[in-house]
Every structure is written in C-alpha cells, then in structure tokens.
N, C-alpha and C. Protein backbone atom coordinates (compact mmCIF):
# COMPACT_ATOMS: atom_id res chain seq x y z
N MET A 1 0.51 -1.39 0.03
CA MET A 1 -0.04 0.15 0.11
C MET A 1 0.60 1.51 0.09
N SER A 2 0.63 1.59 -0.41
CA SER A 2 1.72 3.54 -1.02
C SER A 2 1.24 4.32 0.28
N ASP A 3 1.81 5.40 -0.28
CA ASP A 3 1.71 6.68 1.00
C ASP A 3 0.30 7.49 0.71
N LYS A 4 0.26 7.19 -0.71
CA LYS A 4 -1.03 7.63 -1.58
C LYS A 4 -2.68 7.03 -1.00
N GLN A 5 -2.27 5.87 -0.87
CA GLN A 5 -3.39 4.77 -0.77
C GLN A 5 -4.02 5.14 0.74
N ASP A 6 -5.07 5.33 1.04
CA ASP A 6 -5.74 4.45 2.53
C ASP A 6 -6.21 2.83 2.37
N ALA A 7 -6.87 2.18 3.45
CA ALA A 7 -6.77 1.25 3.76
C ALA A 7 -7.16 0.34 2.52
N THR A 8 -8.29 1.21 2.22
CA THR A 8 -9.16 0.77 1.09
C THR A 8 -9.02 1.16 -0.78
N GLY A 9 -7.46 1.38 -0.22
CA GLY A 9 -6.91 2.04 -1.92
C GLY A 9 -7.32 2.99 -2.52
N ASN A 10 -8.28 3.93 -1.92
CA ASN A 10 -8.29 4.80 -2.57
C ASN A 10 -7.08 6.54 -1.78
N ARG A 11 -7.28 6.86 -3.31
CA ARG A 11 -6.10 7.69 -3.24
C ARG A 11 -6.54 9.34 -2.24
N GLY A 12 -6.07 10.06 -2.14
CA GLY A 12 -6.37 11.24 -1.41
C GLY A 12 -6.59 11.03 0.02
N SER A 13 -6.56 9.97 0.95
CA SER A 13 -7.29 9.87 2.04
C SER A 13 -7.08 10.90 3.31
N SER A 14 -6.32 11.87 2.55
CA SER A 14 -6.06 13.14 3.71
C SER A 14 -7.28 14.27 3.15
N ILE A 15 -8.21 14.12 1.91
CA ILE A 15 -9.01 14.81 1.24
C ILE A 15 -10.42 14.50 2.19
N PRO A 16 -10.79 15.59 3.22
CA PRO A 16 -12.09 15.37 3.60
C PRO A 16 -13.36 14.47 3.10
N LEU A 17 -13.75 14.11 3.88
CA LEU A 17 -14.77 12.93 3.15
C LEU A 17 -15.68 13.81 2.22
N PRO A 18 -16.38 14.61 2.99
CA PRO A 18 -17.50 15.81 1.85
C PRO A 18 -16.64 16.31 0.50
N ALA A 19 -15.40 16.27 0.56
CA ALA A 19 -15.12 16.65 -0.79
C ALA A 19 -14.66 15.50 -1.68
N ARG A 20 -14.42 14.34 -0.85
CA ARG A 20 -14.43 12.93 -1.86
C ARG A 20 -15.34 13.17 -2.66
N VAL A 21 -16.64 13.13 -1.97
CA VAL A 21 -18.42 12.39 -2.42
C VAL A 21 -18.44 13.49 -3.47
N ALA A 22 -18.05 14.86 -2.90
CA ALA A 22 -18.47 16.02 -4.07
C ALA A 22 -17.45 15.55 -5.37
N LEU A 23 -16.48 15.37 -5.62
CA LEU A 23 -15.44 14.80 -6.06
C LEU A 23 -16.22 13.71 -6.87
N LYS A 24 -16.62 12.73 -6.64
CA LYS A 24 -17.59 11.69 -6.87
C LYS A 24 -18.24 12.17 -8.01
N ARG A 25 -19.25 12.55 -7.00
CA ARG A 25 -20.60 13.41 -7.87
C ARG A 25 -20.39 13.88 -9.32
N LEU A 26 -18.90 15.02 -9.13
CA LEU A 26 -18.85 15.84 -10.03
C LEU A 26 -17.95 14.86 -11.40
N GLY A 27 -17.44 13.43 -11.09
CA GLY A 27 -16.44 13.17 -11.68
C GLY A 27 -17.98 11.80 -12.13
N ARG A 28 -19.11 12.17 -11.91
CA ARG A 28 -20.51 10.72 -12.35
C ARG A 28 -21.11 11.70 -13.67
N ASP A 29 -20.88 12.90 -13.20
CA ASP A 29 -22.15 14.15 -13.85
C ASP A 29 -21.17 14.31 -14.95
N LEU A 30 -19.60 14.46 -15.13
CA LEU A 30 -19.19 14.50 -16.29
C LEU A 30 -19.53 13.73 -17.72
N SER A 31 -19.44 12.04 -16.74
CA SER A 31 -19.68 11.29 -17.20
C SER A 31 -20.91 10.91 -17.87
N ILE A 32 -21.81 11.34 -17.27
CA ILE A 32 -23.17 11.75 -17.52
C ILE A 32 -23.03 12.79 -19.38
N ALA A 33 -22.85 13.63 -18.85
CA ALA A 33 -22.68 14.68 -19.38
C ALA A 33 -21.62 14.43 -21.18
N ARG A 34 -20.83 13.98 -20.83
CA ARG A 34 -19.83 13.37 -22.60
C ARG A 34 -20.71 12.31 -22.52
N ARG A 35 -21.34 11.10 -21.68
CA ARG A 35 -21.95 10.29 -22.79
C ARG A 35 -23.28 11.43 -23.44
N LYS A 36 -23.99 11.41 -22.98
CA LYS A 36 -25.24 12.98 -23.80
C LYS A 36 -25.06 13.12 -25.05
N ARG A 37 -23.55 13.35 -25.21
CA ARG A 37 -22.98 14.33 -26.41
C ARG A 37 -22.53 13.47 -27.12
N ARG A 38 -22.69 12.02 -26.76
CA ARG A 38 -22.01 10.93 -27.39
C ARG A 38 -20.54 11.27 -27.70
N ILE A 39 -19.98 11.56 -27.04
CA ILE A 39 -18.33 11.54 -27.23
C ILE A 39 -17.61 10.45 -26.55
N SER A 40 -17.17 9.38 -27.22
CA SER A 40 -16.08 8.78 -26.62
C SER A 40 -15.26 8.75 -25.74
N THR A 41 -14.73 7.79 -24.91
CA THR A 41 -14.38 8.19 -23.99
C THR A 41 -12.19 7.90 -24.78
N ALA A 42 -12.38 7.72 -25.60
CA ALA A 42 -11.07 8.10 -26.38
C ALA A 42 -10.84 9.18 -27.48
N ASP A 43 -12.20 9.80 -27.29
CA ASP A 43 -12.16 10.87 -28.11
C ASP A 43 -11.85 12.04 -27.46
N MET A 44 -12.61 12.11 -26.11
CA MET A 44 -12.14 12.84 -25.01
C MET A 44 -11.06 13.09 -24.22
N ALA A 45 -10.36 11.68 -24.39
CA ALA A 45 -9.16 11.69 -23.78
C ALA A 45 -8.05 12.80 -25.35
N SER A 46 -8.33 12.84 -26.53
CA SER A 46 -8.27 13.35 -26.92
C SER A 46 -8.08 14.98 -27.41
N ARG A 47 -9.48 15.03 -26.77
CA ARG A 47 -9.93 16.46 -26.96
C ARG A 47 -9.01 17.00 -25.60
N LEU A 48 -8.50 16.37 -24.42
CA LEU A 48 -7.63 16.96 -23.30
C LEU A 48 -6.67 16.95 -23.33
N PHE A 49 -6.20 15.78 -24.27
CA PHE A 49 -4.78 15.70 -24.63
C PHE A 49 -4.17 15.13 -23.29
N VAL A 50 -4.68 13.66 -22.71
CA VAL A 50 -4.74 13.16 -22.03
C VAL A 50 -4.84 11.18 -21.99
N SER A 51 -4.45 10.58 -21.60
CA SER A 51 -4.43 9.27 -21.70
C SER A 51 -6.26 9.16 -21.08
N ARG A 52 -6.47 7.91 -22.15
CA ARG A 52 -7.90 7.04 -21.64
C ARG A 52 -8.00 6.81 -20.13
N ASP A 53 -7.59 6.40 -19.18
CA ASP A 53 -7.24 6.01 -18.07
C ASP A 53 -7.25 7.92 -17.12
N THR A 54 -6.71 8.46 -17.93
CA THR A 54 -7.19 10.05 -16.91
C THR A 54 -8.45 10.18 -17.03
N VAL A 55 -9.18 10.14 -18.37
CA VAL A 55 -10.34 10.26 -18.45
C VAL A 55 -11.40 9.40 -17.12
N TRP A 56 -10.72 8.34 -17.00
CA TRP A 56 -11.46 7.63 -16.27
C TRP A 56 -11.26 7.78 -15.42
N ARG A 57 -10.35 7.95 -14.65
CA ARG A 57 -10.35 8.73 -13.42
C ARG A 57 -10.46 10.09 -12.95
N LEU A 58 -10.77 10.82 -13.73
CA LEU A 58 -11.64 12.06 -13.82
C LEU A 58 -12.54 12.08 -13.53
N GLU A 59 -13.96 10.35 -14.10
CA GLU A 59 -15.09 10.49 -13.71
C GLU A 59 -15.03 9.40 -12.66
N ARG A 60 -14.43 9.13 -12.13
CA ARG A 60 -13.70 8.44 -11.07
C ARG A 60 -13.98 9.38 -9.77
N GLY A 61 -13.89 10.49 -9.91
CA GLY A 61 -13.82 11.36 -9.18
C GLY A 61 -12.27 11.53 -8.19
N ASP A 62 -11.11 10.93 -9.06
CA ASP A 62 -9.90 11.21 -8.11
C ASP A 62 -9.64 12.28 -8.53
N PRO A 63 -9.06 12.52 -6.91
CA PRO A 63 -8.62 14.10 -6.57
C PRO A 63 -7.20 14.62 -7.31
N SER A 64 -6.11 13.16 -7.97
CA SER A 64 -5.06 14.04 -8.17
C SER A 64 -4.80 14.09 -9.60
N VAL A 65 -6.57 13.91 -10.23
CA VAL A 65 -6.54 14.58 -11.83
C VAL A 65 -6.48 16.34 -11.51
N SER A 66 -5.43 16.55 -12.41
CA SER A 66 -5.14 17.92 -12.21
C SER A 66 -6.35 19.30 -12.53
N VAL A 67 -6.44 19.92 -12.09
CA VAL A 67 -7.22 21.08 -12.32
C VAL A 67 -7.09 21.37 -14.03
N GLY A 68 -6.08 21.63 -14.30
CA GLY A 68 -6.57 22.10 -15.43
C GLY A 68 -7.06 20.81 -16.70
N THR A 69 -7.08 19.40 -16.44
CA THR A 69 -7.53 18.74 -16.67
C THR A 69 -8.73 18.86 -16.56
N LEU A 70 -9.62 18.83 -15.62
CA LEU A 70 -10.92 19.37 -15.08
C LEU A 70 -11.42 20.39 -15.76
N ALA A 71 -11.04 21.63 -16.14
CA ALA A 71 -10.69 22.51 -16.87
C ALA A 71 -11.96 22.50 -17.89
N THR A 72 -10.52 22.00 -18.87
CA THR A 72 -10.29 21.35 -20.47
C THR A 72 -11.79 20.54 -20.11
N ALA A 73 -12.08 19.66 -19.77
CA ALA A 73 -12.83 18.85 -19.61
C ALA A 73 -14.05 19.62 -19.56
N VAL A 74 -14.43 20.07 -18.93
CA VAL A 74 -15.50 21.45 -18.21
C VAL A 74 -15.97 22.24 -19.94
N PHE A 75 -14.88 22.94 -20.19
CA PHE A 75 -15.06 23.33 -21.40
C PHE A 75 -15.78 22.87 -22.86
N VAL A 76 -14.83 21.63 -23.03
CA VAL A 76 -15.24 20.61 -24.09
C VAL A 76 -16.73 20.45 -23.94
N LEU A 77 -17.39 20.39 -22.76
CA LEU A 77 -18.44 19.93 -22.32
C LEU A 77 -19.32 20.89 -22.42
N GLN A 78 -18.61 22.26 -22.42
CA GLN A 78 -19.64 23.69 -22.57
C GLN A 78 -20.48 23.82 -21.27
N LEU A 79 -19.63 23.36 -20.64
CA LEU A 79 -19.92 23.27 -18.79
C LEU A 79 -19.23 24.81 -18.35
N HIS A 80 -18.42 25.37 -19.07
CA HIS A 80 -17.59 26.29 -18.60
C HIS A 80 -17.91 27.36 -17.45
N ASP A 81 -19.28 28.04 -18.05
CA ASP A 81 -19.81 28.95 -16.72
C ASP A 81 -19.68 29.05 -15.88
N ARG A 82 -20.21 27.39 -15.25
CA ARG A 82 -20.49 27.02 -14.12
C ARG A 82 -19.33 27.01 -13.18
N LEU A 83 -18.39 26.53 -13.82
CA LEU A 83 -16.78 26.08 -13.09
C LEU A 83 -16.16 27.93 -13.10
N ALA A 84 -16.88 29.26 -13.97
CA ALA A 84 -16.15 30.10 -14.02
C ALA A 84 -17.57 30.95 -12.13
N SER A 85 -18.40 30.11 -12.35
CA SER A 85 -18.85 30.48 -11.06
C SER A 85 -19.28 30.72 -10.00
N LEU A 86 -17.83 29.11 -9.52
CA LEU A 86 -18.07 28.39 -8.03
C LEU A 86 -17.75 28.92 -7.41
N ALA A 87 -16.63 29.80 -7.37
CA ALA A 87 -16.58 30.21 -5.79
C ALA A 87 -17.19 32.49 -5.67
N ALA A 88 -18.18 32.12 -6.92
CA ALA A 88 -18.32 33.61 -7.19
C ALA A 88 -19.26 34.07 -5.68
N PRO A 89 -18.55 35.31 -5.45
CA PRO A 89 -19.11 36.29 -3.79
C PRO A 89 -20.21 36.38 -3.51
N GLU A 90 -21.26 36.39 -4.59
CA GLU A 90 -22.66 36.85 -4.43
C GLU A 90 -23.60 35.50 -4.10
N ARG A 91 -22.63 34.31 -4.46
CA ARG A 91 -23.06 33.00 -4.33
C ARG A 91 -22.80 31.92 -2.68
N ASP A 92 -21.92 32.82 -2.37
CA ASP A 92 -20.93 32.11 -1.36
C ASP A 92 -21.61 32.67 0.23
N ALA A 93 -22.47 31.44 0.76
CA ALA A 93 -23.70 31.63 1.84
C ALA A 93 -22.57 32.11 3.18
N LEU A 94 -21.57 30.97 3.03
CA LEU A 94 -20.69 31.04 4.53
C LEU A 94 -20.34 32.53 4.66
N GLY A 95 -19.58 33.30 3.44
CA GLY A 95 -19.11 34.77 3.28
C GLY A 95 -20.19 35.45 3.55
N LEU A 96 -21.27 35.43 2.52
CA LEU A 96 -22.06 36.10 3.00
C LEU A 96 -22.28 36.37 4.47
N ASP A 97 -22.60 35.09 5.11
CA ASP A 97 -23.38 34.94 6.58
C ASP A 97 -22.16 35.35 7.41
N LEU A 98 -20.99 35.43 6.92
CA LEU A 98 -20.21 35.91 8.26
C LEU A 98 -20.09 37.62 7.94
N GLU A 99 -20.22 38.13 6.70
CA GLU A 99 -19.89 39.52 6.50
C GLU A 99 -21.09 40.00 7.26
N THR A 100 -22.11 39.66 7.17
CA THR A 100 -23.64 40.20 7.87
C THR A 100 -23.31 40.08 9.40
N ALA A 101 -22.77 39.04 9.68
CA ALA A 101 -22.58 38.87 11.28
C ALA A 101 -21.04 39.93 11.76
N ALA A 102 -20.27 40.21 11.04
CA ALA A 102 -19.38 41.20 11.53
C ALA A 102 -20.13 42.44 11.42
N LEU A 103 -21.39 42.75 10.32
CA LEU A 103 -22.19 44.16 10.83
C LEU A 103 -22.36 44.86 12.42
N PRO A 104 -21.76 46.43 12.43
CA PRO A 104 -22.39 46.51 13.73
C PRO A 104 -23.59 46.55 14.12
N ARG A 105 -23.50 46.25 15.24
CA ARG A 105 -25.08 45.75 15.63
C ARG A 105 -26.15 48.00 15.74
N ARG A 106 -25.78 48.69 15.73
CA ARG A 106 -26.17 49.92 15.88
C ARG A 106 -24.87 50.73 15.42
N ILE A 107 -25.37 52.27 15.09
CA ILE A 107 -24.73 53.02 14.02
C ILE A 107 -24.28 53.92 15.69
N VAL A 108 -23.69 54.63 15.66
CA VAL A 108 -23.48 55.52 16.99
C VAL A 108 -23.19 56.88 16.34
N ARG A 109 -24.36 57.75 16.28
CA ARG A 109 -24.48 58.87 15.61
C ARG A 109 -23.53 59.81 16.34
N ARG A 110 -22.51 60.64 15.61
CA ARG A 110 -21.97 61.32 15.86
C ARG A 110 -22.48 62.89 16.65
N LYS A 111 -21.79 63.80 17.03
CA LYS A 111 -22.78 65.42 17.54
C LYS A 111 -21.82 65.89 16.34
N PRO A 112 -22.98 66.85 15.93
CA PRO A 112 -22.37 67.91 14.99
C PRO A 112 -21.18 68.74 15.73
N SER A 113 -20.66 69.31 15.06
CA SER A 113 -18.63 69.42 15.53
C SER A 113 -19.36 71.08 15.45
N ARG A 114 -19.03 71.99 16.49
CA ARG A 114 -19.40 73.36 16.96
C ARG A 114 -18.45 74.11 16.16
N ASP A 115 -17.18 73.68 15.90
CA ASP A 115 -16.19 74.56 15.17
C ASP A 115 -16.71 74.81 14.35
N PRO A 116 -16.78 76.30 13.48
CA PRO A 116 -17.17 76.83 12.38
C PRO A 116 -16.26 76.53 11.20
N GLY A 117 -15.18 75.88 11.43
CA GLY A 117 -14.02 75.43 10.54
C GLY A 117 -14.55 74.56 10.01
N VAL A 118 -15.47 73.37 10.20
CA VAL A 118 -14.88 71.82 10.28
C VAL A 118 -16.36 72.19 9.07
C-alpha cells in the first residue's frame, strides 16, 4: 500500500470526506454529460490531450487529476460558465453570513461639531 492510498486503496485519503463525495459526484456528472454528447472516452482523451485512463480517473472523481484537465473537460462539454461561477462571492453563503455577522449592531450618531471651521 503506497502512502498516497488509504486502507481501501482510495487515493487522497487526506481529503475530507465531503470533498471526496463531491468529487465523485462531479466525476459521475461529467461522465453523464460526455455520454449525452455521444463523446467516447477515446475522443474525450484526445480532446483533453490525456490518456483514456486519465479520463476514467476524472470520471471516478480521483483527486489526483489536475485542475487543468478538469477545466478543459468542462470546456469541451460546454459547461465552463458553471466552473467560472463556482466560488462567486454573491453565491458564497458562508461568506455572506460572516459578512452580515460582522456588521455593527448599531450606528453611533456623531454630534455635530461646534467648530465653524469644520
């Protein structure tokens, strides 16, 4: 067993479980999108400039597949607009909640200055 595999043979065992589950779902969704477009794994590999094995690993959610390969696959499938909005600030629920929590509870009104020069 290599240091990059856990006891079940899964790569990326240091990746949190929710992230692994999300990658597996993404891979499955990419596989479905490819098949709906009637693109073979060999043709997809050719378009991505990778091996068929890499396409299979991408579609299994293997975290060792490069982000560049993922981005290119998403482009080939014409889903790149979704990738571009993945971390969009307006869709970041946690970030928006933290921003709202940091707002002051009340605004202190300043007394008008009596200095005529101000």
